[in-house]
């Protein structure tokens, strides 16, 4: 999805979509997105999403795609899977409410 938005920004005149990427690791983000991170429309949010989220640019849409999805963890450590999912979802809903999304 991120690469598709980058593609639209790079190829459609006046698309002008700002992309805020929540990342846990700056090093991993650099490995995945490389030079695209230098674009003026990409912003990195490198904070714990289980805490209150504060973003200082206008937000129109939120896509929550961060979750532990590997089923082997569901049985091994269910609380470690459920807790961040609940907290992050709650905080993103609060962010949506605060920004009238």
PDB file of N, CA and C in Angstrom:
ATOM      1  N   UNK A   1       0.823  -1.184   0.000  1.00  0.00           N
ATOM      2  CA  UNK A   1       0.000   0.000   0.000  1.00  0.00           C
ATOM      3  C   UNK A   1       0.871   1.252   0.000  1.00  0.00           C
ATOM      4  N   UNK A   2       1.927   1.225   0.798  1.00  0.00           N
ATOM      5  CA  UNK A   2       2.811   2.388   0.872  1.00  0.00           C
ATOM      6  C   UNK A   2       3.449   2.655  -0.489  1.00  0.00           C
ATOM      7  N   UNK A   3       3.934   1.604  -1.134  1.00  0.00           N
ATOM      8  CA  UNK A   3       4.561   1.797  -2.444  1.00  0.00           C
ATOM      9  C   UNK A   3       3.552   2.287  -3.484  1.00  0.00           C
ATOM     10  N   UNK A   4       2.308   1.870  -3.369  1.00  0.00           N
ATOM     11  CA  UNK A   4       1.288   2.361  -4.294  1.00  0.00           C
ATOM     12  C   UNK A   4       1.056   3.857  -4.088  1.00  0.00           C
ATOM     13  N   UNK A   5       0.996   4.304  -2.833  1.00  0.00           N
ATOM     14  CA  UNK A   5       0.843   5.740  -2.561  1.00  0.00           C
ATOM     15  C   UNK A   5       2.061   6.527  -3.046  1.00  0.00           C
ATOM     16  N   UNK A   6       3.238   5.956  -2.858  1.00  0.00           N
ATOM     17  CA  UNK A   6       4.452   6.593  -3.385  1.00  0.00           C
ATOM     18  C   UNK A   6       4.358   6.706  -4.899  1.00  0.00           C
ATOM     19  N   UNK A   7       3.935   5.623  -5.544  1.00  0.00           N
ATOM     20  CA  UNK A   7       3.781   5.627  -7.001  1.00  0.00           C
ATOM     21  C   UNK A   7       2.830   6.739  -7.440  1.00  0.00           C
ATOM     22  N   UNK A   8       1.694   6.860  -6.775  1.00  0.00           N
ATOM     23  CA  UNK A   8       0.731   7.894  -7.132  1.00  0.00           C
ATOM     24  C   UNK A   8       1.323   9.286  -6.934  1.00  0.00           C
ATOM     25  N   UNK A   9       2.040   9.493  -5.837  1.00  0.00           N
ATOM     26  CA  UNK A   9       2.683  10.783  -5.603  1.00  0.00           C
ATOM     27  C   UNK A   9       3.702  11.106  -6.691  1.00  0.00           C
ATOM     28  N   UNK A  10       4.422  10.097  -7.135  1.00  0.00           N
ATOM     29  CA  UNK A  10       5.492  10.308  -8.104  1.00  0.00           C
ATOM     30  C   UNK A  10       4.963  10.448  -9.534  1.00  0.00           C
ATOM     31  N   UNK A  11       3.772   9.900  -9.816  1.00  0.00           N
ATOM     32  CA  UNK A  11       3.321   9.821 -11.207  1.00  0.00           C
ATOM     33  C   UNK A  11       2.041  10.574 -11.540  1.00  0.00           C
ATOM     34  N   UNK A  12       1.287  10.989 -10.543  1.00  0.00           N
ATOM     35  CA  UNK A  12       0.067  11.748 -10.826  1.00  0.00           C
ATOM     36  C   UNK A  12       0.266  13.203 -10.423  1.00  0.00           C
ATOM     37  N   UNK A  13       0.048  14.072 -11.360  1.00  0.00           N
ATOM     38  CA  UNK A  13       0.195  15.501 -11.084  1.00  0.00           C
ATOM     39  C   UNK A  13      -0.822  15.906 -10.013  1.00  0.00           C
ATOM     40  N   UNK A  14      -0.376  16.641  -9.049  1.00  0.00           N
ATOM     41  CA  UNK A  14      -1.217  17.177  -7.969  1.00  0.00           C
ATOM     42  C   UNK A  14      -1.833  16.106  -7.081  1.00  0.00           C
ATOM     43  N   UNK A  15      -1.281  14.905  -7.016  1.00  0.00           N
ATOM     44  CA  UNK A  15      -1.824  13.897  -6.101  1.00  0.00           C
ATOM     45  C   UNK A  15      -1.573  14.323  -4.660  1.00  0.00           C
ATOM     46  N   UNK A  16      -0.334  14.666  -4.355  1.00  0.00           N
ATOM     47  CA  UNK A  16       0.037  15.308  -3.090  1.00  0.00           C
ATOM     48  C   UNK A  16      -0.509  14.613  -1.841  1.00  0.00           C
ATOM     49  N   UNK A  17      -0.169  13.372  -1.668  1.00  0.00           N
ATOM     50  CA  UNK A  17      -0.603  12.594  -0.509  1.00  0.00           C
ATOM     51  C   UNK A  17       0.551  12.513   0.490  1.00  0.00           C
ATOM     52  N   UNK A  18       0.334  13.013   1.680  1.00  0.00           N
ATOM     53  CA  UNK A  18       1.338  12.869   2.733  1.00  0.00           C
ATOM     54  C   UNK A  18       1.172  11.481   3.350  1.00  0.00           C
ATOM     55  N   UNK A  19       2.289  10.814   3.605  1.00  0.00           N
ATOM     56  CA  UNK A  19       2.270   9.456   4.133  1.00  0.00           C
ATOM     57  C   UNK A  19       2.997   9.461   5.468  1.00  0.00           C
ATOM     58  N   UNK A  20       2.291   9.086   6.516  1.00  0.00           N
ATOM     59  CA  UNK A  20       2.905   8.964   7.836  1.00  0.00           C
ATOM     60  C   UNK A  20       3.091   7.475   8.095  1.00  0.00           C
ATOM     61  N   UNK A  21       4.333   7.067   8.255  1.00  0.00           N
ATOM     62  CA  UNK A  21       4.647   5.663   8.493  1.00  0.00           C
ATOM     63  C   UNK A  21       5.034   5.468   9.947  1.00  0.00           C
ATOM     64  N   UNK A  22       4.331   4.617  10.617  1.00  0.00           N
ATOM     65  CA  UNK A  22       4.707   4.258  11.974  1.00  0.00           C
ATOM     66  C   UNK A  22       5.732   3.148  11.886  1.00  0.00           C
ATOM     67  N   UNK A  23       6.903   3.392  12.450  1.00  0.00           N
ATOM     68  CA  UNK A  23       7.973   2.397  12.383  1.00  0.00           C
ATOM     69  C   UNK A  23       8.510   2.124  13.779  1.00  0.00           C
ATOM     70  N   UNK A  24       8.852   0.869  14.029  1.00  0.00           N
ATOM     71  CA  UNK A  24       9.480   0.506  15.301  1.00  0.00           C
ATOM     72  C   UNK A  24      10.989   0.615  15.198  1.00  0.00           C
ATOM     73  N   UNK A  25      11.513   0.463  14.001  1.00  0.00           N
ATOM     74  CA  UNK A  25      12.950   0.472  13.792  1.00  0.00           C
ATOM     75  C   UNK A  25      13.287   1.376  12.609  1.00  0.00           C
ATOM     76  N   UNK A  26      14.047   2.425  12.880  1.00  0.00           N
ATOM     77  CA  UNK A  26      14.465   3.328  11.804  1.00  0.00           C
ATOM     78  C   UNK A  26      15.348   2.570  10.802  1.00  0.00           C
ATOM     79  N   UNK A  27      16.187   1.686  11.302  1.00  0.00           N
ATOM     80  CA  UNK A  27      17.080   0.921  10.441  1.00  0.00           C
ATOM     81  C   UNK A  27      16.276   0.037   9.483  1.00  0.00           C
ATOM     82  N   UNK A  28      15.242  -0.608  10.004  1.00  0.00           N
ATOM     83  CA  UNK A  28      14.403  -1.457   9.160  1.00  0.00           C
ATOM     84  C   UNK A  28      13.634  -0.610   8.142  1.00  0.00           C
ATOM     85  N   UNK A  29      13.151   0.549   8.561  1.00  0.00           N
ATOM     86  CA  UNK A  29      12.440   1.451   7.642  1.00  0.00           C
ATOM     87  C   UNK A  29      13.359   1.881   6.501  1.00  0.00           C
ATOM     88  N   UNK A  30      14.616   2.198   6.825  1.00  0.00           N
ATOM     89  CA  UNK A  30      15.580   2.593   5.791  1.00  0.00           C
ATOM     90  C   UNK A  30      15.853   1.437   4.832  1.00  0.00           C
ATOM     91  N   UNK A  31      15.906   0.227   5.367  1.00  0.00           N
ATOM     92  CA  UNK A  31      16.140  -0.937   4.518  1.00  0.00           C
ATOM     93  C   UNK A  31      14.957  -1.189   3.585  1.00  0.00           C
ATOM     94  N   UNK A  32      13.758  -0.956   4.071  1.00  0.00           N
ATOM     95  CA  UNK A  32      12.552  -1.223   3.270  1.00  0.00           C
ATOM     96  C   UNK A  32      12.296  -0.114   2.258  1.00  0.00           C
ATOM     97  N   UNK A  33      12.374   1.139   2.692  1.00  0.00           N
ATOM     98  CA  UNK A  33      11.956   2.257   1.846  1.00  0.00           C
ATOM     99  C   UNK A  33      13.107   3.049   1.235  1.00  0.00           C
ATOM    100  N   UNK A  34      14.323   2.857   1.713  1.00  0.00           N
ATOM    101  CA  UNK A  34      15.495   3.476   1.113  1.00  0.00           C
ATOM    102  C   UNK A  34      15.376   4.973   0.900  1.00  0.00           C
ATOM    103  N   UNK A  35      15.703   5.411  -0.315  1.00  0.00           N
ATOM    104  CA  UNK A  35      15.719   6.841  -0.640  1.00  0.00           C
ATOM    105  C   UNK A  35      14.339   7.488  -0.617  1.00  0.00           C
ATOM    106  N   UNK A  36      13.284   6.679  -0.661  1.00  0.00           N
ATOM    107  CA  UNK A  36      11.940   7.266  -0.592  1.00  0.00           C
ATOM    108  C   UNK A  36      11.737   8.024   0.721  1.00  0.00           C
ATOM    109  N   UNK A  37      12.463   7.646   1.756  1.00  0.00           N
ATOM    110  CA  UNK A  37      12.316   8.328   3.046  1.00  0.00           C
ATOM    111  C   UNK A  37      12.773   9.777   2.988  1.00  0.00           C
ATOM    112  N   UNK A  38      13.513  10.138   1.938  1.00  0.00           N
ATOM    113  CA  UNK A  38      13.960  11.524   1.774  1.00  0.00           C
ATOM    114  C   UNK A  38      12.923  12.396   1.083  1.00  0.00           C
ATOM    115  N   UNK A  39      11.826  11.796   0.648  1.00  0.00           N
ATOM    116  CA  UNK A  39      10.781  12.581  -0.020  1.00  0.00           C
ATOM    117  C   UNK A  39      10.091  13.482   0.996  1.00  0.00           C
ATOM    118  N   UNK A  40       9.674  14.639   0.558  1.00  0.00           N
ATOM    119  CA  UNK A  40       9.054  15.601   1.483  1.00  0.00           C
ATOM    120  C   UNK A  40       7.633  15.216   1.874  1.00  0.00           C
ATOM    121  N   UNK A  41       7.065  14.219   1.253  1.00  0.00           N
ATOM    122  CA  UNK A  41       5.706  13.790   1.591  1.00  0.00           C
ATOM    123  C   UNK A  41       5.678  12.569   2.516  1.00  0.00           C
ATOM    124  N   UNK A  42       6.848  12.067   2.909  1.00  0.00           N
ATOM    125  CA  UNK A  42       6.893  10.917   3.812  1.00  0.00           C
ATOM    126  C   UNK A  42       7.379  11.362   5.182  1.00  0.00           C
ATOM    127  N   UNK A  43       6.627  10.977   6.203  1.00  0.00           N
ATOM    128  CA  UNK A  43       6.952  11.313   7.582  1.00  0.00           C
ATOM    129  C   UNK A  43       7.023  10.020   8.389  1.00  0.00           C
ATOM    130  N   UNK A  44       8.058   9.898   9.184  1.00  0.00           N
ATOM    131  CA  UNK A  44       8.197   8.712  10.027  1.00  0.00           C
ATOM    132  C   UNK A  44       7.743   9.028  11.440  1.00  0.00           C
ATOM    133  N   UNK A  45       6.977   8.125  12.003  1.00  0.00           N
ATOM    134  CA  UNK A  45       6.517   8.223  13.386  1.00  0.00           C
ATOM    135  C   UNK A  45       7.139   7.053  14.123  1.00  0.00           C
ATOM    136  N   UNK A  46       8.185   7.336  14.894  1.00  0.00           N
ATOM    137  CA  UNK A  46       8.953   6.284  15.554  1.00  0.00           C
ATOM    138  C   UNK A  46       8.683   6.328  17.055  1.00  0.00           C
ATOM    139  N   UNK A  47       7.447   6.015  17.414  1.00  0.00           N
ATOM    140  CA  UNK A  47       7.055   5.997  18.818  1.00  0.00           C
ATOM    141  C   UNK A  47       6.178   4.781  19.062  1.00  0.00           C
ATOM    142  N   UNK A  48       6.001   4.450  20.308  1.00  0.00           N
ATOM    143  CA  UNK A  48       5.179   3.313  20.703  1.00  0.00           C
ATOM    144  C   UNK A  48       3.702   3.659  20.504  1.00  0.00           C
ATOM    145  N   UNK A  49       3.024   2.938  19.634  1.00  0.00           N
ATOM    146  CA  UNK A  49       1.615   3.219  19.348  1.00  0.00           C
ATOM    147  C   UNK A  49       0.686   2.777  20.467  1.00  0.00           C
ATOM    148  N   UNK A  50       1.213   2.066  21.451  1.00  0.00           N
ATOM    149  CA  UNK A  50       0.363   1.694  22.578  1.00  0.00           C
ATOM    150  C   UNK A  50       0.238   2.851  23.571  1.00  0.00           C
ATOM    151  N   UNK A  51       0.942   3.943  23.296  1.00  0.00           N
ATOM    152  CA  UNK A  51       0.793   5.180  24.068  1.00  0.00           C
ATOM    153  C   UNK A  51       0.061   6.200  23.206  1.00  0.00           C
ATOM    154  N   UNK A  52      -0.401   7.280  23.803  1.00  0.00           N
ATOM    155  CA  UNK A  52      -1.149   8.307  23.066  1.00  0.00           C
ATOM    156  C   UNK A  52      -0.371   8.745  21.830  1.00  0.00           C
ATOM    157  N   UNK A  53      -1.070   8.843  20.714  1.00  0.00           N
ATOM    158  CA  UNK A  53      -0.444   9.183  19.437  1.00  0.00           C
ATOM    159  C   UNK A  53      -0.636  10.668  19.167  1.00  0.00           C
ATOM    160  N   UNK A  54       0.446  11.349  18.877  1.00  0.00           N
ATOM    161  CA  UNK A  54       0.411  12.788  18.605  1.00  0.00           C
ATOM    162  C   UNK A  54       1.077  13.030  17.257  1.00  0.00           C
ATOM    163  N   UNK A  55       0.290  13.439  16.274  1.00  0.00           N
ATOM    164  CA  UNK A  55       0.803  13.731  14.933  1.00  0.00           C
ATOM    165  C   UNK A  55       0.363  15.146  14.585  1.00  0.00           C
ATOM    166  N   UNK A  56       1.321  15.958  14.140  1.00  0.00           N
ATOM    167  CA  UNK A  56       1.056  17.377  13.936  1.00  0.00           C
ATOM    168  C   UNK A  56       0.765  17.773  12.496  1.00  0.00           C
ATOM    169  N   UNK A  57       0.345  16.840  11.673  1.00  0.00           N
ATOM    170  CA  UNK A  57      -0.080  17.201  10.324  1.00  0.00           C
ATOM    171  C   UNK A  57      -1.523  16.753  10.146  1.00  0.00           C
ATOM    172  N   UNK A  58      -2.204  17.362   9.173  1.00  0.00           N
ATOM    173  CA  UNK A  58      -3.600  17.007   8.923  1.00  0.00           C
ATOM    174  C   UNK A  58      -3.690  15.556   8.452  1.00  0.00           C
ATOM    175  N   UNK A  59      -4.609  14.835   9.041  1.00  0.00           N
ATOM    176  CA  UNK A  59      -4.807  13.422   8.712  1.00  0.00           C
ATOM    177  C   UNK A  59      -6.205  13.253   8.122  1.00  0.00           C
ATOM    178  N   UNK A  60      -6.278  12.580   6.986  1.00  0.00           N
ATOM    179  CA  UNK A  60      -7.571  12.304   6.365  1.00  0.00           C
ATOM    180  C   UNK A  60      -7.979  10.839   6.509  1.00  0.00           C
ATOM    181  N   UNK A  61      -6.998   9.939   6.514  1.00  0.00           N
ATOM    182  CA  UNK A  61      -7.273   8.514   6.602  1.00  0.00           C
ATOM    183  C   UNK A  61      -6.246   7.850   7.518  1.00  0.00           C
ATOM    184  N   UNK A  62      -6.684   6.814   8.198  1.00  0.00           N
ATOM    185  CA  UNK A  62      -5.790   5.985   8.999  1.00  0.00           C
ATOM    186  C   UNK A  62      -5.973   4.551   8.542  1.00  0.00           C
ATOM    187  N   UNK A  63      -4.859   3.886   8.267  1.00  0.00           N
ATOM    188  CA  UNK A  63      -4.882   2.469   7.937  1.00  0.00           C
ATOM    189  C   UNK A  63      -4.123   1.750   9.043  1.00  0.00           C
ATOM    190  N   UNK A  64      -4.828   0.913   9.772  1.00  0.00           N
ATOM    191  CA  UNK A  64      -4.208   0.155  10.856  1.00  0.00           C
ATOM    192  C   UNK A  64      -3.828  -1.214  10.304  1.00  0.00           C
ATOM    193  N   UNK A  65      -2.536  -1.378  10.023  1.00  0.00           N
ATOM    194  CA  UNK A  65      -2.071  -2.636   9.459  1.00  0.00           C
ATOM    195  C   UNK A  65      -0.950  -3.237  10.302  1.00  0.00           C
ATOM    196  N   UNK A  66      -0.816  -2.758  11.516  1.00  0.00           N
ATOM    197  CA  UNK A  66       0.259  -3.247  12.393  1.00  0.00           C
ATOM    198  C   UNK A  66      -0.322  -4.235  13.389  1.00  0.00           C
ATOM    199  N   UNK A  67       0.169  -5.441  13.325  1.00  0.00           N
ATOM    200  CA  UNK A  67      -0.309  -6.459  14.240  1.00  0.00           C
ATOM    201  C   UNK A  67       0.608  -7.667  14.144  1.00  0.00           C
ATOM    202  N   UNK A  68       0.703  -8.392  15.228  1.00  0.00           N
ATOM    203  CA  UNK A  68       1.404  -9.670  15.165  1.00  0.00           C
ATOM    204  C   UNK A  68       0.443 -10.637  14.476  1.00  0.00           C
ATOM    205  N   UNK A  69       0.823 -11.084  13.300  1.00  0.00           N
ATOM    206  CA  UNK A  69      -0.088 -11.913  12.518  1.00  0.00           C
ATOM    207  C   UNK A  69       0.331 -13.382  12.463  1.00  0.00           C
ATOM    208  N   UNK A  70       1.468 -13.697  13.002  1.00  0.00           N
ATOM    209  CA  UNK A  70       1.956 -15.074  12.972  1.00  0.00           C
ATOM    210  C   UNK A  70       1.218 -15.886  14.035  1.00  0.00           C
ATOM    211  N   UNK A  71       0.451 -16.870  13.615  1.00  0.00           N
ATOM    212  CA  UNK A  71      -0.414 -17.628  14.530  1.00  0.00           C
ATOM    213  C   UNK A  71       0.350 -18.400  15.604  1.00  0.00           C
ATOM    214  N   UNK A  72       1.626 -18.679  15.386  1.00  0.00           N
ATOM    215  CA  UNK A  72       2.384 -19.407  16.411  1.00  0.00           C
ATOM    216  C   UNK A  72       2.473 -18.599  17.712  1.00  0.00           C
ATOM    217  N   UNK A  73       2.392 -17.272  17.603  1.00  0.00           N
ATOM    218  CA  UNK A  73       2.448 -16.432  18.808  1.00  0.00           C
ATOM    219  C   UNK A  73       1.124 -16.413  19.562  1.00  0.00           C
ATOM    220  N   UNK A  74       0.023 -16.692  18.884  1.00  0.00           N
ATOM    221  CA  UNK A  74      -1.286 -16.671  19.540  1.00  0.00           C
ATOM    222  C   UNK A  74      -1.348 -17.668  20.685  1.00  0.00           C
ATOM    223  N   UNK A  75      -0.758 -18.831  20.497  1.00  0.00           N
ATOM    224  CA  UNK A  75      -0.764 -19.843  21.560  1.00  0.00           C
ATOM    225  C   UNK A  75       0.386 -19.645  22.540  1.00  0.00           C
ATOM    226  N   UNK A  76       1.544 -19.234  22.042  1.00  0.00           N
ATOM    227  CA  UNK A  76       2.716 -19.050  22.902  1.00  0.00           C
ATOM    228  C   UNK A  76       2.546 -17.901  23.891  1.00  0.00           C
ATOM    229  N   UNK A  77       2.101 -16.765  23.404  1.00  0.00           N
ATOM    230  CA  UNK A  77       2.014 -15.568  24.249  1.00  0.00           C
ATOM    231  C   UNK A  77       0.800 -14.728  23.839  1.00  0.00           C
ATOM    232  N   UNK A  78      -0.399 -15.226  24.141  1.00  0.00           N
ATOM    233  CA  UNK A  78      -1.617 -14.540  23.695  1.00  0.00           C
ATOM    234  C   UNK A  78      -1.758 -13.115  24.224  1.00  0.00           C
ATOM    235  N   UNK A  79      -1.327 -12.865  25.447  1.00  0.00           N
ATOM    236  CA  UNK A  79      -1.442 -11.511  26.001  1.00  0.00           C
ATOM    237  C   UNK A  79      -0.537 -10.549  25.237  1.00  0.00           C
ATOM    238  N   UNK A  80       0.643 -11.018  24.848  1.00  0.00           N
ATOM    239  CA  UNK A  80       1.566 -10.178  24.084  1.00  0.00           C
ATOM    240  C   UNK A  80       1.017  -9.859  22.694  1.00  0.00           C
ATOM    241  N   UNK A  81       0.105 -10.667  22.197  1.00  0.00           N
ATOM    242  CA  UNK A  81      -0.534 -10.408  20.908  1.00  0.00           C
ATOM    243  C   UNK A  81      -1.745  -9.499  21.099  1.00  0.00           C
ATOM    244  N   UNK A  82      -2.579  -9.812  22.073  1.00  0.00           N
ATOM    245  CA  UNK A  82      -3.835  -9.092  22.261  1.00  0.00           C
ATOM    246  C   UNK A  82      -3.635  -7.682  22.808  1.00  0.00           C
ATOM    247  N   UNK A  83      -2.774  -7.542  23.794  1.00  0.00           N
ATOM    248  CA  UNK A  83      -2.604  -6.244  24.449  1.00  0.00           C
ATOM    249  C   UNK A  83      -2.221  -5.125  23.478  1.00  0.00           C
ATOM    250  N   UNK A  84      -1.156  -5.279  22.680  1.00  0.00           N
ATOM    251  CA  UNK A  84      -0.830  -4.179  21.770  1.00  0.00           C
ATOM    252  C   UNK A  84      -1.910  -3.953  20.721  1.00  0.00           C
ATOM    253  N   UNK A  85      -2.564  -5.027  20.267  1.00  0.00           N
ATOM    254  CA  UNK A  85      -3.634  -4.847  19.280  1.00  0.00           C
ATOM    255  C   UNK A  85      -4.757  -3.998  19.850  1.00  0.00           C
ATOM    256  N   UNK A  86      -5.145  -4.254  21.068  1.00  0.00           N
ATOM    257  CA  UNK A  86      -6.220  -3.484  21.694  1.00  0.00           C
ATOM    258  C   UNK A  86      -5.778  -2.044  21.938  1.00  0.00           C
ATOM    259  N   UNK A  87      -4.594  -1.867  22.523  1.00  0.00           N
ATOM    260  CA  UNK A  87      -4.117  -0.515  22.841  1.00  0.00           C
ATOM    261  C   UNK A  87      -3.881   0.319  21.588  1.00  0.00           C
ATOM    262  N   UNK A  88      -3.264  -0.268  20.580  1.00  0.00           N
ATOM    263  CA  UNK A  88      -2.999   0.480  19.349  1.00  0.00           C
ATOM    264  C   UNK A  88      -4.309   0.824  18.645  1.00  0.00           C
ATOM    265  N   UNK A  89      -5.216  -0.120  18.588  1.00  0.00           N
ATOM    266  CA  UNK A  89      -6.514   0.159  17.969  1.00  0.00           C
ATOM    267  C   UNK A  89      -7.228   1.286  18.707  1.00  0.00           C
ATOM    268  N   UNK A  90      -7.236   1.220  20.020  1.00  0.00           N
ATOM    269  CA  UNK A  90      -7.858   2.277  20.822  1.00  0.00           C
ATOM    270  C   UNK A  90      -7.203   3.633  20.533  1.00  0.00           C
ATOM    271  N   UNK A  91      -5.887   3.685  20.539  1.00  0.00           N
ATOM    272  CA  UNK A  91      -5.186   4.950  20.329  1.00  0.00           C
ATOM    273  C   UNK A  91      -5.401   5.492  18.921  1.00  0.00           C
ATOM    274  N   UNK A  92      -5.481   4.613  17.934  1.00  0.00           N
ATOM    275  CA  UNK A  92      -5.764   5.082  16.576  1.00  0.00           C
ATOM    276  C   UNK A  92      -7.200   5.594  16.455  1.00  0.00           C
ATOM    277  N   UNK A  93      -8.129   4.949  17.143  1.00  0.00           N
ATOM    278  CA  UNK A  93      -9.511   5.453  17.143  1.00  0.00           C
ATOM    279  C   UNK A  93      -9.597   6.815  17.833  1.00  0.00           C
ATOM    280  N   UNK A  94      -8.848   6.990  18.913  1.00  0.00           N
ATOM    281  CA  UNK A  94      -8.800   8.294  19.588  1.00  0.00           C
ATOM    282  C   UNK A  94      -8.203   9.351  18.665  1.00  0.00           C
ATOM    283  N   UNK A  95      -7.141   8.998  17.927  1.00  0.00           N
ATOM    284  CA  UNK A  95      -6.535   9.924  16.975  1.00  0.00           C
ATOM    285  C   UNK A  95      -7.548  10.292  15.894  1.00  0.00           C
ATOM    286  N   UNK A  96      -8.294   9.304  15.418  1.00  0.00           N
ATOM    287  CA  UNK A  96      -9.324   9.560  14.413  1.00  0.00           C
ATOM    288  C   UNK A  96     -10.393  10.494  14.967  1.00  0.00           C
ATOM    289  N   UNK A  97     -10.800  10.275  16.189  1.00  0.00           N
ATOM    290  CA  UNK A  97     -11.814  11.128  16.824  1.00  0.00           C
ATOM    291  C   UNK A  97     -11.300  12.555  16.974  1.00  0.00           C
ATOM    292  N   UNK A  98     -10.069  12.702  17.435  1.00  0.00           N
ATOM    293  CA  UNK A  98      -9.475  14.033  17.631  1.00  0.00           C
ATOM    294  C   UNK A  98      -9.329  14.797  16.310  1.00  0.00           C
ATOM    295  N   UNK A  99      -9.143  14.076  15.209  1.00  0.00           N
ATOM    296  CA  UNK A  99      -8.950  14.704  13.911  1.00  0.00           C
ATOM    297  C   UNK A  99     -10.200  14.681  13.056  1.00  0.00           C
ATOM    298  N   UNK A 100     -11.329  14.285  13.658  1.00  0.00           N
ATOM    299  CA  UNK A 100     -12.611  14.255  12.953  1.00  0.00           C
ATOM    300  C   UNK A 100     -12.523  13.474  11.641  1.00  0.00           C
ATOM    301  N   UNK A 101     -11.952  12.288  11.749  1.00  0.00           N
ATOM    302  CA  UNK A 101     -11.782  11.437  10.560  1.00  0.00           C
ATOM    303  C   UNK A 101     -12.958  10.465  10.473  1.00  0.00           C
TER     304      UNK A 101
END
